C-alpha atoms as a PDB file:
ATOM      1  CA  MET A   1    -117.016  41.718  29.119  1.00  0.00           C
ATOM      2  CA  SER A   2    -113.967  40.199  30.778  1.00  0.00           C
ATOM      3  CA  ALA A   3    -114.865  38.884  34.219  1.00  0.00           C
ATOM      4  CA  LEU A   4    -111.396  39.852  35.459  1.00  0.00           C
ATOM      5  CA  VAL A   5    -111.694  43.448  34.263  1.00  0.00           C
ATOM      6  CA  SER A   6    -115.278  43.857  35.451  1.00  0.00           C
ATOM      7  CA  ALA A   7    -114.243  42.944  39.014  1.00  0.00           C
ATOM      8  CA  SER A   8    -110.797  44.569  39.054  1.00  0.00           C
ATOM      9  CA  GLY A   9    -109.761  47.177  41.543  1.00  0.00           C
ATOM     10  CA  ILE A  10    -108.297  50.381  40.105  1.00  0.00           C
ATOM     11  CA  THR A  11    -105.706  52.819  41.390  1.00  0.00           C
ATOM     12  CA  VAL A  12    -106.022  56.235  39.741  1.00  0.00           C
ATOM     13  CA  LEU A  13    -102.887  58.342  39.930  1.00  0.00           C
ATOM     14  CA  GLY A  14    -104.043  61.958  39.898  1.00  0.00           C
ATOM     15  CA  GLY A  15    -106.920  63.757  41.586  1.00  0.00           C
ATOM     16  CA  GLY A  16    -107.705  66.466  39.065  1.00  0.00           C
ATOM     17  CA  VAL A  17    -110.870  66.592  36.990  1.00  0.00           C
ATOM     18  CA  ILE A  18    -109.729  63.766  34.690  1.00  0.00           C
ATOM     19  CA  GLY A  19    -108.635  61.439  37.495  1.00  0.00           C
ATOM     20  CA  LEU A  20    -111.714  62.097  39.614  1.00  0.00           C
ATOM     21  CA  SER A  21    -114.065  61.707  36.634  1.00  0.00           C
ATOM     22  CA  VAL A  22    -112.486  58.363  35.756  1.00  0.00           C
ATOM     23  CA  ALA A  23    -112.644  57.239  39.393  1.00  0.00           C
ATOM     24  CA  TRP A  24    -116.281  58.272  39.839  1.00  0.00           C
ATOM     25  CA  CYS A  25    -117.447  56.581  36.646  1.00  0.00           C
ATOM     26  CA  ALA A  26    -115.411  53.437  37.348  1.00  0.00           C
ATOM     27  CA  ALA A  27    -116.815  53.184  40.869  1.00  0.00           C
ATOM     28  CA  ARG A  28    -120.348  53.534  39.531  1.00  0.00           C
ATOM     29  CA  ALA A  29    -119.562  50.679  37.145  1.00  0.00           C
ATOM     30  CA  GLY A  30    -118.673  48.431  40.090  1.00  0.00           C
ATOM     31  CA  HIS A  31    -114.899  48.759  40.397  1.00  0.00           C
ATOM     32  CA  PRO A  32    -113.219  49.270  43.758  1.00  0.00           C
ATOM     33  CA  VAL A  33    -111.261  52.502  43.232  1.00  0.00           C
ATOM     34  CA  GLU A  34    -108.499  54.388  44.990  1.00  0.00           C
ATOM     35  CA  VAL A  35    -107.343  57.875  43.935  1.00  0.00           C
ATOM     36  CA  VAL A  36    -103.789  58.857  44.848  1.00  0.00           C
ATOM     37  CA  ASP A  37    -103.009  62.579  44.617  1.00  0.00           C
ATOM     38  CA  GLN A  38    -100.359  64.843  46.139  1.00  0.00           C
ATOM     39  CA  GLY A  39    -102.571  67.939  45.972  1.00  0.00           C
ATOM     40  CA  SER A  40    -100.341  70.315  44.019  1.00  0.00           C
ATOM     41  CA  PRO A  41    -101.579  73.934  43.970  1.00  0.00           C
ATOM     42  CA  HIS A  42    -100.363  74.066  40.353  1.00  0.00           C
ATOM     43  CA  GLY A  43    -102.652  71.355  38.989  1.00  0.00           C
ATOM     44  CA  GLY A  44    -104.312  72.324  35.741  1.00  0.00           C
ATOM     45  CA  SER A  45    -107.812  71.597  37.075  1.00  0.00           C
ATOM     46  CA  TRP A  46    -107.394  74.003  40.012  1.00  0.00           C
ATOM     47  CA  VAL A  47    -105.815  76.736  37.882  1.00  0.00           C
ATOM     48  CA  ALA A  48    -108.372  76.798  35.066  1.00  0.00           C
ATOM     49  CA  GLY A  49    -110.858  79.174  33.533  1.00  0.00           C
ATOM     50  CA  GLY A  50    -113.632  76.595  33.319  1.00  0.00           C
ATOM     51  CA  MET A  51    -114.439  77.136  29.643  1.00  0.00           C
ATOM     52  CA  LEU A  52    -116.123  74.247  27.823  1.00  0.00           C
ATOM     53  CA  ALA A  53    -115.512  75.781  24.444  1.00  0.00           C
ATOM     54  CA  PRO A  54    -114.430  73.487  21.610  1.00  0.00           C
ATOM     55  CA  ILE A  55    -115.782  75.844  18.965  1.00  0.00           C
ATOM     56  CA  THR A  56    -113.954  78.925  20.217  1.00  0.00           C
ATOM     57  CA  GLU A  57    -110.751  76.919  20.773  1.00  0.00           C
ATOM     58  CA  ALA A  58    -110.836  75.492  17.227  1.00  0.00           C
ATOM     59  CA  TRP A  59    -108.069  76.213  14.745  1.00  0.00           C
ATOM     60  CA  PRO A  60    -106.954  74.817  11.358  1.00  0.00           C
ATOM     61  CA  GLY A  61    -104.898  71.673  11.837  1.00  0.00           C
ATOM     62  CA  ASP A  62    -106.772  70.680  14.978  1.00  0.00           C
ATOM     63  CA  GLU A  63    -109.772  69.112  13.268  1.00  0.00           C
ATOM     64  CA  ALA A  64    -109.559  65.988  15.426  1.00  0.00           C
ATOM     65  CA  VAL A  65    -109.367  68.123  18.578  1.00  0.00           C
ATOM     66  CA  LEU A  66    -112.508  69.994  17.515  1.00  0.00           C
ATOM     67  CA  ALA A  67    -114.401  66.772  16.797  1.00  0.00           C
ATOM     68  CA  LEU A  68    -113.445  65.211  20.132  1.00  0.00           C
ATOM     69  CA  GLY A  69    -114.275  68.404  22.012  1.00  0.00           C
ATOM     70  CA  ALA A  70    -117.683  68.670  20.368  1.00  0.00           C
ATOM     71  CA  GLU A  71    -118.375  65.032  21.229  1.00  0.00           C
ATOM     72  CA  SER A  72    -117.528  65.662  24.870  1.00  0.00           C
ATOM     73  CA  LEU A  73    -119.462  68.945  25.025  1.00  0.00           C
ATOM     74  CA  ALA A  74    -122.619  67.012  24.113  1.00  0.00           C
ATOM     75  CA  LEU A  75    -122.085  64.833  27.193  1.00  0.00           C
ATOM     76  CA  TRP A  76    -121.639  67.732  29.592  1.00  0.00           C
ATOM     77  CA  PRO A  77    -125.273  68.629  30.436  1.00  0.00           C
ATOM     78  CA  GLU A  78    -126.005  65.115  31.731  1.00  0.00           C
ATOM     79  CA  PHE A  79    -122.562  64.831  33.347  1.00  0.00           C
ATOM     80  CA  ALA A  80    -123.068  68.112  35.234  1.00  0.00           C
ATOM     81  CA  ALA A  81    -126.653  67.255  36.193  1.00  0.00           C
ATOM     82  CA  GLN A  82    -125.558  63.955  37.748  1.00  0.00           C
ATOM     83  CA  LEU A  83    -122.974  65.837  39.813  1.00  0.00           C
ATOM     84  CA  GLY A  84    -125.338  68.677  40.697  1.00  0.00           C
ATOM     85  CA  VAL A  85    -122.962  71.227  39.178  1.00  0.00           C
ATOM     86  CA  PRO A  86    -124.446  74.277  37.416  1.00  0.00           C
ATOM     87  CA  LEU A  87    -123.332  75.181  33.906  1.00  0.00           C
ATOM     88  CA  SER A  88    -123.355  78.626  32.361  1.00  0.00           C
ATOM     89  CA  PRO A  89    -125.220  78.269  29.032  1.00  0.00           C
ATOM     90  CA  VAL A  90    -124.837  81.895  27.900  1.00  0.00           C
ATOM     91  CA  GLY A  91    -122.058  81.163  25.390  1.00  0.00           C
ATOM     92  CA  THR A  92    -118.899  82.906  24.277  1.00  0.00           C
ATOM     93  CA  LEU A  93    -118.225  86.169  22.476  1.00  0.00           C
ATOM     94  CA  ALA A  94    -114.878  86.273  20.663  1.00  0.00           C
ATOM     95  CA  VAL A  95    -113.861  89.856  19.930  1.00  0.00           C
ATOM     96  CA  ALA A  96    -111.143  91.720  18.047  1.00  0.00           C
ATOM     97  CA  THR A  97    -109.559  95.085  18.790  1.00  0.00           C
ATOM     98  CA  ASP A  98    -107.579  95.878  15.635  1.00  0.00           C
ATOM     99  CA  ALA A  99    -107.465  94.948  11.943  1.00  0.00           C
ATOM    100  CA  ALA A 100    -105.045  92.057  12.455  1.00  0.00           C
ATOM    101  CA  ASP A 101    -107.222  90.614  15.194  1.00  0.00           C
ATOM    102  CA  VAL A 102    -110.282  90.920  12.965  1.00  0.00           C
ATOM    103  CA  GLU A 103    -108.413  88.865  10.377  1.00  0.00           C
ATOM    104  CA  VAL A 104    -107.734  86.145  12.973  1.00  0.00           C
ATOM    105  CA  LEU A 105    -111.441  85.924  13.771  1.00  0.00           C
ATOM    106  CA  ASP A 106    -112.260  85.787  10.066  1.00  0.00           C
ATOM    107  CA  GLN A 107    -109.869  82.839   9.751  1.00  0.00           C
ATOM    108  CA  LEU A 108    -111.569  81.105  12.658  1.00  0.00           C
ATOM    109  CA  ARG A 109    -115.004  81.709  11.175  1.00  0.00           C
ATOM    110  CA  GLY A 110    -113.876  80.335   7.799  1.00  0.00           C
ATOM    111  CA  PHE A 111    -112.385  77.248   9.415  1.00  0.00           C
ATOM    112  CA  LEU A 112    -115.539  76.575  11.401  1.00  0.00           C
ATOM    113  CA  HIS A 113    -117.614  76.911   8.237  1.00  0.00           C
ATOM    114  CA  SER A 114    -115.356  74.364   6.501  1.00  0.00           C
ATOM    115  CA  GLN A 115    -116.036  71.958   9.376  1.00  0.00           C
ATOM    116  CA  GLY A 116    -119.793  72.359   9.127  1.00  0.00           C
ATOM    117  CA  ARG A 117    -120.001  74.590  12.200  1.00  0.00           C
ATOM    118  CA  SER A 118    -121.146  78.157  12.401  1.00  0.00           C
ATOM    119  CA  ALA A 119    -120.193  81.323  14.233  1.00  0.00           C
ATOM    120  CA  THR A 120    -122.242  84.485  13.860  1.00  0.00           C
ATOM    121  CA  LYS A 121    -120.309  87.610  12.963  1.00  0.00           C
ATOM    122  CA  LEU A 122    -121.261  90.644  15.057  1.00  0.00           C
ATOM    123  CA  THR A 123    -120.667  94.336  14.559  1.00  0.00           C
ATOM    124  CA  ARG A 124    -119.494  96.672  17.289  1.00  0.00           C
ATOM    125  CA  ARG A 125    -123.062  97.824  17.846  1.00  0.00           C
ATOM    126  CA  GLU A 126    -124.377  94.263  18.032  1.00  0.00           C
ATOM    127  CA  LEU A 127    -121.699  93.350  20.564  1.00  0.00           C
ATOM    128  CA  ARG A 128    -122.622  96.290  22.773  1.00  0.00           C
ATOM    129  CA  ALA A 129    -126.263  95.312  22.626  1.00  0.00           C
ATOM    130  CA  LEU A 130    -125.247  91.996  24.215  1.00  0.00           C
ATOM    131  CA  GLU A 131    -122.653  93.397  26.646  1.00  0.00           C
ATOM    132  CA  ALA A 132    -122.716  97.136  27.330  1.00  0.00           C
ATOM    133  CA  GLY A 133    -119.372  97.127  29.114  1.00  0.00           C
ATOM    134  CA  PHE A 134    -117.130  96.542  26.109  1.00  0.00           C
ATOM    135  CA  GLY A 135    -114.302  99.037  25.663  1.00  0.00           C
ATOM    136  CA  PRO A 136    -114.156 101.461  22.736  1.00  0.00           C
ATOM    137  CA  SER A 137    -111.364  99.478  21.049  1.00  0.00           C
ATOM    138  CA  VAL A 138    -113.578  96.435  20.516  1.00  0.00           C
ATOM    139  CA  ARG A 139    -114.347  96.466  16.780  1.00  0.00           C
ATOM    140  CA  SER A 140    -116.225  93.281  15.921  1.00  0.00           C
ATOM    141  CA  GLY A 141    -116.678  89.732  17.049  1.00  0.00           C
ATOM    142  CA  LEU A 142    -118.163  86.286  16.744  1.00  0.00           C
ATOM    143  CA  SER A 143    -120.917  84.699  18.773  1.00  0.00           C
ATOM    144  CA  MET A 144    -120.556  81.033  19.815  1.00  0.00           C
ATOM    145  CA  PRO A 145    -123.797  80.388  21.694  1.00  0.00           C
ATOM    146  CA  GLY A 146    -123.179  76.635  22.069  1.00  0.00           C
ATOM    147  CA  ASP A 147    -120.115  76.985  24.284  1.00  0.00           C
ATOM    148  CA  LEU A 148    -120.594  76.381  28.002  1.00  0.00           C
ATOM    149  CA  SER A 149    -118.583  77.133  31.131  1.00  0.00           C
ATOM    150  CA  VAL A 150    -118.332  75.689  34.626  1.00  0.00           C
ATOM    151  CA  ASP A 151    -116.763  76.800  37.884  1.00  0.00           C
ATOM    152  CA  ASN A 152    -113.764  74.490  37.991  1.00  0.00           C
ATOM    153  CA  ARG A 153    -113.424  74.558  41.761  1.00  0.00           C
ATOM    154  CA  VAL A 154    -117.102  73.806  42.323  1.00  0.00           C
ATOM    155  CA  LEU A 155    -116.680  70.945  39.861  1.00  0.00           C
ATOM    156  CA  LEU A 156    -113.655  69.534  41.705  1.00  0.00           C
ATOM    157  CA  ALA A 157    -115.492  69.634  45.025  1.00  0.00           C
ATOM    158  CA  ALA A 158    -118.537  67.927  43.503  1.00  0.00           C
ATOM    159  CA  LEU A 159    -116.393  65.197  41.950  1.00  0.00           C
ATOM    160  CA  ARG A 160    -114.629  64.513  45.248  1.00  0.00           C
ATOM    161  CA  SER A 161    -117.980  64.287  47.018  1.00  0.00           C
ATOM    162  CA  ALA A 162    -119.423  61.991  44.336  1.00  0.00           C
ATOM    163  CA  CYS A 163    -116.336  59.764  44.535  1.00  0.00           C
ATOM    164  CA  ARG A 164    -116.680  59.403  48.287  1.00  0.00           C
ATOM    165  CA  GLU A 165    -120.390  58.621  47.971  1.00  0.00           C
ATOM    166  CA  HIS A 166    -119.482  55.735  45.654  1.00  0.00           C
ATOM    167  CA  GLY A 167    -116.811  54.339  47.937  1.00  0.00           C
ATOM    168  CA  VAL A 168    -113.711  55.773  46.257  1.00  0.00           C
ATOM    169  CA  HIS A 169    -110.754  56.014  48.633  1.00  0.00           C
ATOM    170  CA  LEU A 170    -109.000  59.387  48.274  1.00  0.00           C
ATOM    171  CA  THR A 171    -105.446  59.420  49.608  1.00  0.00           C
ATOM    172  CA  ASP A 172    -102.021  60.979  49.115  1.00  0.00           C
ATOM    173  CA  SER A 173    -100.246  57.643  49.379  1.00  0.00           C
ATOM    174  CA  SER A 174    -101.421  54.347  47.921  1.00  0.00           C
ATOM    175  CA  THR A 175    -102.665  51.753  50.387  1.00  0.00           C
ATOM    176  CA  GLN A 176    -104.154  49.253  47.933  1.00  0.00           C
ATOM    177  CA  ASP A 177    -102.627  46.676  45.606  1.00  0.00           C
ATOM    178  CA  HIS A 178    -105.049  46.946  42.696  1.00  0.00           C
ATOM    179  CA  PRO A 179    -104.340  45.093  39.444  1.00  0.00           C
ATOM    180  CA  ILE A 180    -105.113  48.120  37.257  1.00  0.00           C
ATOM    181  CA  THR A 181    -103.503  51.553  37.390  1.00  0.00           C
ATOM    182  CA  VAL A 182    -104.802  54.597  35.507  1.00  0.00           C
ATOM    183  CA  ILE A 183    -102.221  57.350  35.078  1.00  0.00           C
ATOM    184  CA  ALA A 184    -104.160  60.623  35.122  1.00  0.00           C
ATOM    185  CA  ALA A 185    -101.683  62.973  36.774  1.00  0.00           C
ATOM    186  CA  GLY A 186    -101.741  65.662  34.107  1.00  0.00           C
ATOM    187  CA  ALA A 187     -98.330  67.128  33.306  1.00  0.00           C
ATOM    188  CA  TRP A 188     -96.737  64.953  36.001  1.00  0.00           C
ATOM    189  CA  SER A 189     -97.822  61.802  34.131  1.00  0.00           C
ATOM    190  CA  ARG A 190     -94.612  62.003  32.109  1.00  0.00           C
ATOM    191  CA  ASP A 191     -92.659  60.822  35.162  1.00  0.00           C
ATOM    192  CA  LEU A 192     -94.927  57.867  35.923  1.00  0.00           C
ATOM    193  CA  HIS A 193     -94.294  55.652  32.897  1.00  0.00           C
ATOM    194  CA  PRO A 194     -91.475  55.447  30.331  1.00  0.00           C
ATOM    195  CA  ALA A 195     -93.975  55.486  27.443  1.00  0.00           C
ATOM    196  CA  LEU A 196     -95.126  58.961  28.489  1.00  0.00           C
ATOM    197  CA  ARG A 197     -91.711  60.493  29.090  1.00  0.00           C
ATOM    198  CA  ASP A 198     -91.269  61.958  25.613  1.00  0.00           C
ATOM    199  CA  VAL A 199     -94.985  62.429  24.913  1.00  0.00           C
ATOM    200  CA  ILE A 200     -96.327  64.533  27.790  1.00  0.00           C
ATOM    201  CA  ARG A 201     -94.826  67.913  28.666  1.00  0.00           C
ATOM    202  CA  PRO A 202     -95.806  70.710  31.070  1.00  0.00           C
ATOM    203  CA  VAL A 203     -97.266  73.841  29.479  1.00  0.00           C
ATOM    204  CA  LYS A 204     -97.395  76.646  32.005  1.00  0.00           C
ATOM    205  CA  GLY A 205    -100.439  78.898  32.198  1.00  0.00           C
ATOM    206  CA  GLU A 206    -101.065  81.848  34.518  1.00  0.00           C
ATOM    207  CA  ILE A 207    -104.480  83.088  35.615  1.00  0.00           C
ATOM    208  CA  LEU A 208    -105.781  85.981  37.666  1.00  0.00           C
ATOM    209  CA  ARG A 209    -108.950  86.125  39.732  1.00  0.00           C
ATOM    210  CA  LEU A 210    -110.693  89.462  40.168  1.00  0.00           C
ATOM    211  CA  THR A 211    -113.559  90.488  42.438  1.00  0.00           C
ATOM    212  CA  ALA A 212    -115.952  93.309  41.532  1.00  0.00           C
ATOM    213  CA  ARG A 213    -115.886  95.976  44.219  1.00  0.00           C
ATOM    214  CA  PRO A 214    -118.994  97.954  45.245  1.00  0.00           C
ATOM    215  CA  GLY A 215    -119.946 100.447  42.563  1.00  0.00           C
ATOM    216  CA  ALA A 216    -118.031  98.713  39.766  1.00  0.00           C
ATOM    217  CA  LEU A 217    -119.782  97.493  36.639  1.00  0.00           C
ATOM    218  CA  PRO A 218    -120.734  93.839  37.154  1.00  0.00           C
ATOM    219  CA  PRO A 219    -118.940  91.110  35.199  1.00  0.00           C
ATOM    220  CA  PRO A 220    -120.219  90.283  31.698  1.00  0.00           C
ATOM    221  CA  ARG A 221    -122.777  87.503  31.309  1.00  0.00           C
ATOM    222  CA  HIS A 222    -120.879  85.880  28.443  1.00  0.00           C
ATOM    223  CA  THR A 223    -117.433  84.405  28.465  1.00  0.00           C
ATOM    224  CA  LEU A 224    -115.275  86.869  26.524  1.00  0.00           C
ATOM    225  CA  ARG A 225    -112.301  85.852  24.416  1.00  0.00           C
ATOM    226  CA  ALA A 226    -110.214  88.414  22.614  1.00  0.00           C
ATOM    227  CA  GLN A 227    -107.166  89.117  20.545  1.00  0.00           C
ATOM    228  CA  VAL A 228    -105.480  92.263  21.809  1.00  0.00           C
ATOM    229  CA  SER A 229    -102.494  93.221  19.648  1.00  0.00           C
ATOM    230  CA  GLY A 230    -102.061  89.570  18.803  1.00  0.00           C
ATOM    231  CA  ARG A 231    -102.215  88.324  22.417  1.00  0.00           C
ATOM    232  CA  PRO A 232    -105.083  86.047  23.392  1.00  0.00           C
ATOM    233  CA  VAL A 233    -106.974  86.781  26.603  1.00  0.00           C
ATOM    234  CA  TYR A 234    -110.142  85.375  28.101  1.00  0.00           C
ATOM    235  CA  LEU A 235    -112.511  86.718  30.756  1.00  0.00           C
ATOM    236  CA  VAL A 236    -114.733  84.092  32.369  1.00  0.00           C
ATOM    237  CA  PRO A 237    -117.517  85.341  34.652  1.00  0.00           C
ATOM    238  CA  ARG A 238    -117.755  84.029  38.195  1.00  0.00           C
ATOM    239  CA  THR A 239    -120.216  85.073  40.872  1.00  0.00           C
ATOM    240  CA  GLY A 240    -119.114  88.592  41.710  1.00  0.00           C
ATOM    241  CA  GLY A 241    -115.979  88.527  39.623  1.00  0.00           C
ATOM    242  CA  LEU A 242    -113.866  87.228  36.767  1.00  0.00           C
ATOM    243  CA  VAL A 243    -111.158  84.735  35.940  1.00  0.00           C
ATOM    244  CA  LEU A 244    -108.573  86.141  33.523  1.00  0.00           C
ATOM    245  CA  GLY A 245    -106.219  83.959  31.511  1.00  0.00           C
ATOM    246  CA  ALA A 246    -104.251  82.591  30.182  1.00  0.00           C
ATOM    247  CA  THR A 247    -100.635  82.785  29.326  1.00  0.00           C
ATOM    248  CA  GLN A 248     -98.853  79.858  27.697  1.00  0.00           C
ATOM    249  CA  HIS A 249     -95.172  79.150  28.303  1.00  0.00           C
ATOM    250  CA  GLU A 250     -93.004  76.187  27.397  1.00  0.00           C
ATOM    251  CA  ASN A 251     -90.524  76.463  30.262  1.00  0.00           C
ATOM    252  CA  GLY A 252     -91.041  73.341  32.331  1.00  0.00           C
ATOM    253  CA  PHE A 253     -92.382  73.291  35.868  1.00  0.00           C
ATOM    254  CA  ASP A 254     -91.715  76.957  36.616  1.00  0.00           C
ATOM    255  CA  PRO A 255     -94.247  77.838  39.368  1.00  0.00           C
ATOM    256  CA  ASP A 256     -93.806  81.621  39.392  1.00  0.00           C
ATOM    257  CA  VAL A 257     -96.394  84.120  38.223  1.00  0.00           C
ATOM    258  CA  THR A 258     -94.362  86.813  36.498  1.00  0.00           C
ATOM    259  CA  VAL A 259     -94.875  90.560  36.656  1.00  0.00           C
ATOM    260  CA  GLY A 260     -94.977  90.710  32.854  1.00  0.00           C
ATOM    261  CA  SER A 261     -97.767  88.167  32.646  1.00  0.00           C
ATOM    262  CA  VAL A 262     -99.871  89.972  35.260  1.00  0.00           C
ATOM    263  CA  ARG A 263     -99.287  93.278  33.457  1.00  0.00           C
ATOM    264  CA  ASP A 264    -100.273  91.881  30.049  1.00  0.00           C
ATOM    265  CA  LEU A 265    -103.370  90.058  31.295  1.00  0.00           C
ATOM    266  CA  LEU A 266    -104.658  93.107  33.163  1.00  0.00           C
ATOM    267  CA  HIS A 267    -103.878  95.465  30.290  1.00  0.00           C
ATOM    268  CA  ASP A 268    -105.562  93.282  27.698  1.00  0.00           C
ATOM    269  CA  ALA A 269    -108.577  92.587  29.897  1.00  0.00           C
ATOM    270  CA  GLU A 270    -109.003  96.324  30.524  1.00  0.00           C
ATOM    271  CA  VAL A 271    -108.969  96.999  26.780  1.00  0.00           C
ATOM    272  CA  VAL A 272    -111.831  94.542  26.380  1.00  0.00           C
ATOM    273  CA  TRP A 273    -113.739  95.317  29.593  1.00  0.00           C
ATOM    274  CA  PRO A 274    -112.564  98.642  31.100  1.00  0.00           C
ATOM    275  CA  ALA A 275    -114.433  98.086  34.373  1.00  0.00           C
ATOM    276  CA  VAL A 276    -111.777  95.597  35.504  1.00  0.00           C
ATOM    277  CA  ALA A 277    -109.681  98.605  36.557  1.00  0.00           C
ATOM    278  CA  GLU A 278    -112.125  98.998  39.452  1.00  0.00           C
ATOM    279  CA  TYR A 279    -111.980  95.354  40.493  1.00  0.00           C
ATOM    280  CA  ALA A 280    -109.818  93.875  43.246  1.00  0.00           C
ATOM    281  CA  LEU A 281    -107.020  91.502  42.237  1.00  0.00           C
ATOM    282  CA  THR A 282    -107.619  88.604  44.631  1.00  0.00           C
ATOM    283  CA  GLU A 283    -105.505  85.759  43.267  1.00  0.00           C
ATOM    284  CA  THR A 284    -102.633  85.030  40.928  1.00  0.00           C
ATOM    285  CA  ALA A 285    -101.742  81.440  40.104  1.00  0.00           C
ATOM    286  CA  ALA A 286     -99.672  79.333  37.747  1.00  0.00           C
ATOM    287  CA  GLY A 287    -100.706  75.867  36.631  1.00  0.00           C
ATOM    288  CA  PHE A 288     -99.360  73.195  34.320  1.00  0.00           C
ATOM    289  CA  ARG A 289    -101.343  71.789  31.432  1.00  0.00           C
ATOM    290  CA  ALA A 290    -100.419  68.370  30.099  1.00  0.00           C
ATOM    291  CA  GLY A 291     -99.293  69.037  26.536  1.00  0.00           C
ATOM    292  CA  SER A 292     -99.045  66.356  23.849  1.00  0.00           C
ATOM    293  CA  PRO A 293     -97.484  66.423  20.353  1.00  0.00           C
ATOM    294  CA  ASP A 294    -100.801  66.619  18.482  1.00  0.00           C
ATOM    295  CA  ASN A 295    -102.893  68.355  21.192  1.00  0.00           C
ATOM    296  CA  LEU A 296    -104.942  65.153  21.566  1.00  0.00           C
ATOM    297  CA  PRO A 297    -105.062  63.254  24.856  1.00  0.00           C
ATOM    298  CA  VAL A 298    -103.408  59.890  25.383  1.00  0.00           C
ATOM    299  CA  VAL A 299    -106.166  57.528  26.539  1.00  0.00           C
ATOM    300  CA  ASP A 300    -105.052  53.943  26.020  1.00  0.00           C
ATOM    301  CA  TRP A 301    -103.310  50.929  27.507  1.00  0.00           C
ATOM    302  CA  LEU A 302     -99.566  51.441  28.004  1.00  0.00           C
ATOM    303  CA  GLU A 303     -98.911  47.872  29.113  1.00  0.00           C
ATOM    304  CA  PRO A 304    -100.914  45.097  30.771  1.00  0.00           C
ATOM    305  CA  GLY A 305    -102.630  46.592  33.811  1.00  0.00           C
ATOM    306  CA  VAL A 306    -101.599  50.211  33.103  1.00  0.00           C
ATOM    307  CA  LEU A 307    -103.820  52.751  31.355  1.00  0.00           C
ATOM    308  CA  ALA A 308    -103.069  56.384  30.517  1.00  0.00           C
ATOM    309  CA  ALA A 309    -105.617  59.203  30.628  1.00  0.00           C
ATOM    310  CA  THR A 310    -103.519  62.322  30.179  1.00  0.00           C
ATOM    311  CA  GLY A 311    -102.268  64.882  27.653  1.00  0.00           C
ATOM    312  CA  HIS A 312    -105.466  66.977  27.536  1.00  0.00           C
ATOM    313  CA  HIS A 313    -103.580  70.292  27.206  1.00  0.00           C
ATOM    314  CA  ARG A 314    -106.088  73.195  27.324  1.00  0.00           C
ATOM    315  CA  ASN A 315    -109.129  70.922  27.290  1.00  0.00           C
ATOM    316  CA  GLY A 316    -108.953  68.915  30.495  1.00  0.00           C
ATOM    317  CA  LEU A 317    -112.299  70.058  31.865  1.00  0.00           C
ATOM    318  CA  LEU A 318    -114.009  69.879  28.496  1.00  0.00           C
ATOM    319  CA  LEU A 319    -112.820  66.334  27.780  1.00  0.00           C
ATOM    320  CA  ALA A 320    -113.543  64.833  31.206  1.00  0.00           C
ATOM    321  CA  PRO A 321    -116.819  63.078  30.256  1.00  0.00           C
ATOM    322  CA  VAL A 322    -115.556  61.587  26.998  1.00  0.00           C
ATOM    323  CA  THR A 323    -112.284  60.522  28.649  1.00  0.00           C
ATOM    324  CA  ALA A 324    -114.060  58.729  31.491  1.00  0.00           C
ATOM    325  CA  ARG A 325    -116.290  56.971  28.968  1.00  0.00           C
ATOM    326  CA  ARG A 326    -113.291  55.894  26.896  1.00  0.00           C
ATOM    327  CA  VAL A 327    -111.490  54.517  29.965  1.00  0.00           C
ATOM    328  CA  LEU A 328    -114.567  52.486  30.899  1.00  0.00           C
ATOM    329  CA  ASP A 329    -114.720  51.138  27.338  1.00  0.00           C
ATOM    330  CA  LEU A 330    -111.070  50.072  27.565  1.00  0.00           C
ATOM    331  CA  LEU A 331    -111.709  48.384  30.887  1.00  0.00           C
ATOM    332  CA  ARG A 332    -114.676  46.510  29.474  1.00  0.00           C
ATOM    333  CA  GLU A 333    -112.679  45.417  26.455  1.00  0.00           C
ATOM    334  CA  GLY A 334    -109.877  44.302  28.757  1.00  0.00           C
ATOM    335  CA  GLY A 335    -107.472  44.307  25.844  1.00  0.00           C
ATOM    336  CA  ASN A 336    -104.215  44.623  27.768  1.00  0.00           C
ATOM    337  CA  SER A 337    -105.273  43.853  31.300  1.00  0.00           C
END
C-alpha cells in the first residue's frame, strides 16, 4: 500500500448515501475525512424508495448492472448490521394487471433464467395468499424473495452518526486542504469536473409518501412492483404507510412535482392496492438520480488526487457498499494519487 495514500486526508463532495458510505469506510481505514454537502432537498438519497432489488430491476442489456447489484446486495446484511440499520427481508412481488404487462414479466423471468437467476411465477390466487389486499385487476406475478429494502432516511441518519463517531467532519463549505477529493455529488457531479460533464446527467424522479389512516387496510408486507397499462409503479412499505414511485423524466433539474405524475402514481397504486384510497397523502417530492450512458456508476480516478464515485442512477442505495469498497481499493492502489 502506498504510504502517501494510506495517510492522505480526503474531501468527499456530496453527503448522500454514496458520499457518506465512502467517508465512513475511509475514516474507518484511517483517513482523515471531510464531507462537503449543500443539503439539497432533491438529492436522490433523500427522495428514494429504499429498494435493494437488483433482481427486480434487471433487464436485457443490463447484465453488468445486474451482476454489480447482486455483488453489492450480498454485502448489505453486514453493512446494515454495522450501522445498526434494520433491513426488510420479506422480498418483492412484481405483478401485472393486463396481458401486455404479463408479457413484460415473462420477459423478465426469461432474462433472469438466462443469467442463472430465478423468479417464481405466481397465479392470482397465490399472490392473494401472500397479500390479501391486491386489487381485482392483478392477474399474475413473480416472487423475488432475495430482494431487500431499507428506510432511506433512517439509513442517512445512521451514516451521518457513524461518520461523526469516526471523526468525519460534516460541513457545507470546505475547511480542509486534503490531497484527495472524491466527487460523490450524484447528479450535481457533472458540474464538478470536466470529465463528468458529458457523462453524468440528472434523471428526475417523483415519489409520494402515504400514511395509513385509522381503519384502513395496513400496508403490504412485501415491496410491490407493478406494470399498470405499461407504466411502472412501486409500493414500498414503511411503518404505518407507503412510499410510491417513481416517475422518470429526462428534463434536467426541474424540481416540480407535477399534477400528472401525482395522478398517475395514485391511480396505478390504487389499481394494485385499492386501500391506498383511504390513506393520507403526506408528502410529494422530486429528486435527481445521477444517470450515466450505460447505467453503470463511474468509480475511478479522474486525475491525480481526484476520484469519482457517481452515476449510480436508480441504484444508489443498493450500490453503496460495493462503491465504498471500490473507492478504498483505489485509494490503497494509489494509482493516480
